[in-house]
Amino acid sequence: MAKIDEIKEHIGALKSYLNIVIALILAIGAGVSKLYLAEISNVLFWSGIGLIAILLVVFVIIAKAMHNNIEKQKDL
């Protein structure tokens, strides 16, 4: 397989991972907001907040990797 095809496949995989991370952030965010509106601040609430923060960092890492691969593709 050509180098450009490999980069395109990698970008496609990163897009899929990005979609999964976004879906998780939205789902957990909905649960956390439901707990917040019900004025329940237990372990589940705080672990949800922490998990959202971790997923946001993962989102940034994946997006940066995707942009790096796009730049590599421009060079080919």
N, C-alpha and C. Protein backbone atom coordinates (compact mmCIF):
# COMPACT_ATOMS: atom_id res chain seq x y z
N MET A 1 0.85 -1.17 0.00
CA MET A 1 0.00 0.00 0.00
C MET A 1 0.90 1.25 0.00
N ALA A 2 0.47 2.24 -0.73
CA ALA A 2 1.25 3.47 -0.82
C ALA A 2 1.20 4.22 0.51
N LYS A 3 2.20 5.04 0.71
CA LYS A 3 2.31 5.79 1.96
C LYS A 3 1.11 6.72 2.16
N ILE A 4 0.62 7.34 1.08
CA ILE A 4 -0.51 8.25 1.20
C ILE A 4 -1.78 7.50 1.59
N ASP A 5 -1.93 6.27 1.10
CA ASP A 5 -3.10 5.46 1.47
C ASP A 5 -3.06 5.08 2.95
N GLU A 6 -1.86 4.77 3.43
CA GLU A 6 -1.72 4.45 4.86
C GLU A 6 -2.09 5.64 5.73
N ILE A 7 -1.67 6.82 5.33
CA ILE A 7 -1.98 8.03 6.10
C ILE A 7 -3.48 8.29 6.07
N LYS A 8 -4.11 8.10 4.90
CA LYS A 8 -5.55 8.29 4.79
C LYS A 8 -6.31 7.32 5.70
N GLU A 9 -5.86 6.07 5.74
CA GLU A 9 -6.49 5.08 6.62
C GLU A 9 -6.33 5.47 8.08
N HIS A 10 -5.17 5.96 8.44
CA HIS A 10 -4.92 6.38 9.82
C HIS A 10 -5.80 7.57 10.19
N ILE A 11 -5.95 8.51 9.28
CA ILE A 11 -6.83 9.66 9.52
C ILE A 11 -8.27 9.20 9.70
N GLY A 12 -8.71 8.25 8.89
CA GLY A 12 -10.06 7.72 9.01
C GLY A 12 -10.29 7.04 10.35
N ALA A 13 -9.29 6.29 10.81
CA ALA A 13 -9.41 5.64 12.12
C ALA A 13 -9.47 6.67 13.24
N LEU A 14 -8.65 7.70 13.13
CA LEU A 14 -8.66 8.76 14.15
C LEU A 14 -10.00 9.48 14.19
N LYS A 15 -10.62 9.66 13.02
CA LYS A 15 -11.95 10.29 12.98
C LYS A 15 -12.97 9.42 13.73
N SER A 16 -12.86 8.12 13.55
CA SER A 16 -13.77 7.21 14.26
C SER A 16 -13.57 7.30 15.76
N TYR A 17 -12.31 7.32 16.19
CA TYR A 17 -12.04 7.44 17.62
C TYR A 17 -12.55 8.77 18.17
N LEU A 18 -12.40 9.83 17.37
CA LEU A 18 -12.88 11.14 17.78
C LEU A 18 -14.39 11.14 17.96
N ASN A 19 -15.10 10.46 17.06
CA ASN A 19 -16.56 10.37 17.17
C ASN A 19 -16.97 9.61 18.44
N ILE A 20 -16.25 8.57 18.77
CA ILE A 20 -16.56 7.80 19.97
C ILE A 20 -16.34 8.66 21.22
N VAL A 21 -15.24 9.40 21.25
CA VAL A 21 -14.94 10.25 22.39
C VAL A 21 -16.02 11.33 22.54
N ILE A 22 -16.44 11.93 21.43
CA ILE A 22 -17.48 12.96 21.49
C ILE A 22 -18.79 12.37 22.02
N ALA A 23 -19.15 11.18 21.54
CA ALA A 23 -20.38 10.54 22.02
C ALA A 23 -20.31 10.26 23.52
N LEU A 24 -19.15 9.82 24.00
CA LEU A 24 -18.99 9.56 25.43
C LEU A 24 -19.09 10.85 26.25
N ILE A 25 -18.47 11.92 25.74
CA ILE A 25 -18.54 13.20 26.45
C ILE A 25 -19.99 13.66 26.55
N LEU A 26 -20.73 13.56 25.46
CA LEU A 26 -22.13 13.99 25.48
C LEU A 26 -22.98 13.13 26.41
N ALA A 27 -22.79 11.83 26.37
CA ALA A 27 -23.59 10.94 27.21
C ALA A 27 -23.29 11.15 28.69
N ILE A 28 -22.02 11.23 29.02
CA ILE A 28 -21.65 11.44 30.43
C ILE A 28 -22.07 12.84 30.88
N GLY A 29 -21.93 13.81 29.98
CA GLY A 29 -22.36 15.17 30.31
C GLY A 29 -23.85 15.24 30.60
N ALA A 30 -24.65 14.49 29.85
CA ALA A 30 -26.09 14.47 30.11
C ALA A 30 -26.39 13.86 31.47
N GLY A 31 -25.68 12.80 31.82
CA GLY A 31 -25.88 12.17 33.13
C GLY A 31 -25.45 13.07 34.27
N VAL A 32 -24.33 13.74 34.09
CA VAL A 32 -23.84 14.65 35.13
C VAL A 32 -24.79 15.82 35.30
N SER A 33 -25.28 16.36 34.19
CA SER A 33 -26.20 17.49 34.30
C SER A 33 -27.52 17.08 34.96
N LYS A 34 -27.95 15.85 34.70
CA LYS A 34 -29.16 15.35 35.36
C LYS A 34 -28.95 15.25 36.88
N LEU A 35 -27.78 14.77 37.27
CA LEU A 35 -27.47 14.71 38.70
C LEU A 35 -27.37 16.10 39.31
N TYR A 36 -26.81 17.03 38.56
CA TYR A 36 -26.67 18.40 39.05
C TYR A 36 -28.04 19.04 39.25
N LEU A 37 -28.92 18.86 38.28
CA LEU A 37 -30.26 19.46 38.38
C LEU A 37 -31.07 18.84 39.52
N ALA A 38 -30.79 17.57 39.82
CA ALA A 38 -31.46 16.91 40.93
C ALA A 38 -30.77 17.20 42.27
N GLU A 39 -29.74 18.04 42.22
CA GLU A 39 -28.96 18.43 43.40
C GLU A 39 -28.37 17.22 44.13
N ILE A 40 -27.88 16.29 43.34
CA ILE A 40 -27.22 15.10 43.88
C ILE A 40 -25.73 15.23 43.55
N SER A 41 -24.92 15.41 44.56
CA SER A 41 -23.47 15.51 44.31
C SER A 41 -22.76 14.39 45.08
N ASN A 42 -22.92 13.20 44.56
CA ASN A 42 -22.28 12.04 45.18
C ASN A 42 -21.04 11.64 44.38
N VAL A 43 -20.55 10.46 44.64
CA VAL A 43 -19.34 9.97 43.98
C VAL A 43 -19.55 9.85 42.47
N LEU A 44 -20.73 9.45 42.07
CA LEU A 44 -21.02 9.30 40.64
C LEU A 44 -20.93 10.65 39.92
N PHE A 45 -21.43 11.69 40.54
CA PHE A 45 -21.36 13.04 39.96
C PHE A 45 -19.91 13.47 39.76
N TRP A 46 -19.11 13.36 40.81
CA TRP A 46 -17.73 13.82 40.73
C TRP A 46 -16.87 12.95 39.83
N SER A 47 -17.14 11.65 39.80
CA SER A 47 -16.39 10.79 38.88
C SER A 47 -16.77 11.11 37.43
N GLY A 48 -18.01 11.49 37.20
CA GLY A 48 -18.43 11.91 35.87
C GLY A 48 -17.72 13.17 35.43
N ILE A 49 -17.59 14.13 36.35
CA ILE A 49 -16.86 15.37 36.05
C ILE A 49 -15.40 15.05 35.72
N GLY A 50 -14.79 14.19 36.51
CA GLY A 50 -13.39 13.81 36.25
C GLY A 50 -13.23 13.09 34.92
N LEU A 51 -14.17 12.21 34.62
CA LEU A 51 -14.11 11.47 33.36
C LEU A 51 -14.29 12.38 32.16
N ILE A 52 -15.14 13.37 32.28
CA ILE A 52 -15.31 14.34 31.19
C ILE A 52 -14.00 15.10 30.97
N ALA A 53 -13.35 15.49 32.05
CA ALA A 53 -12.06 16.20 31.92
C ALA A 53 -11.02 15.33 31.23
N ILE A 54 -10.97 14.07 31.59
CA ILE A 54 -10.02 13.14 30.97
C ILE A 54 -10.34 12.96 29.49
N LEU A 55 -11.62 12.81 29.17
CA LEU A 55 -12.03 12.63 27.78
C LEU A 55 -11.74 13.88 26.94
N LEU A 56 -11.83 15.05 27.55
CA LEU A 56 -11.48 16.26 26.81
C LEU A 56 -10.00 16.29 26.47
N VAL A 57 -9.17 15.83 27.36
CA VAL A 57 -7.73 15.75 27.08
C VAL A 57 -7.48 14.72 25.97
N VAL A 58 -8.16 13.59 26.03
CA VAL A 58 -8.03 12.56 24.99
C VAL A 58 -8.47 13.13 23.64
N PHE A 59 -9.56 13.92 23.65
CA PHE A 59 -10.04 14.56 22.43
C PHE A 59 -8.96 15.45 21.81
N VAL A 60 -8.31 16.24 22.62
CA VAL A 60 -7.27 17.14 22.12
C VAL A 60 -6.09 16.35 21.56
N ILE A 61 -5.71 15.27 22.22
CA ILE A 61 -4.59 14.44 21.75
C ILE A 61 -4.92 13.81 20.40
N ILE A 62 -6.14 13.28 20.27
CA ILE A 62 -6.53 12.65 19.00
C ILE A 62 -6.62 13.69 17.90
N ALA A 63 -7.19 14.86 18.19
CA ALA A 63 -7.30 15.91 17.18
C ALA A 63 -5.93 16.37 16.71
N LYS A 64 -4.99 16.49 17.65
CA LYS A 64 -3.63 16.89 17.29
C LYS A 64 -2.96 15.83 16.41
N ALA A 65 -3.15 14.57 16.74
CA ALA A 65 -2.58 13.49 15.93
C ALA A 65 -3.19 13.51 14.52
N MET A 66 -4.48 13.79 14.43
CA MET A 66 -5.13 13.84 13.13
C MET A 66 -4.57 14.99 12.29
N HIS A 67 -4.40 16.13 12.90
CA HIS A 67 -3.85 17.27 12.17
C HIS A 67 -2.40 17.05 11.75
N ASN A 68 -1.63 16.35 12.58
CA ASN A 68 -0.25 16.02 12.21
C ASN A 68 -0.23 15.10 10.98
N ASN A 69 -1.15 14.14 10.93
CA ASN A 69 -1.21 13.25 9.78
C ASN A 69 -1.67 13.98 8.53
N ILE A 70 -2.56 14.95 8.69
CA ILE A 70 -2.98 15.74 7.53
C ILE A 70 -1.80 16.54 6.99
N GLU A 71 -0.99 17.08 7.88
CA GLU A 71 0.21 17.81 7.45
C GLU A 71 1.19 16.89 6.74
N LYS A 72 1.33 15.66 7.24
CA LYS A 72 2.22 14.68 6.57
C LYS A 72 1.71 14.39 5.17
N GLN A 73 0.39 14.31 5.05
CA GLN A 73 -0.20 14.00 3.74
C GLN A 73 0.06 15.14 2.76
N LYS A 74 0.07 16.37 3.23
CA LYS A 74 0.34 17.51 2.35
C LYS A 74 1.75 17.45 1.80
N ASP A 75 2.67 16.91 2.61
CA ASP A 75 4.07 16.85 2.19
C ASP A 75 4.33 15.79 1.13
N LEU A 76 3.43 14.82 1.01
CA LEU A 76 3.66 13.73 0.03
C LEU A 76 3.31 14.12 -1.36
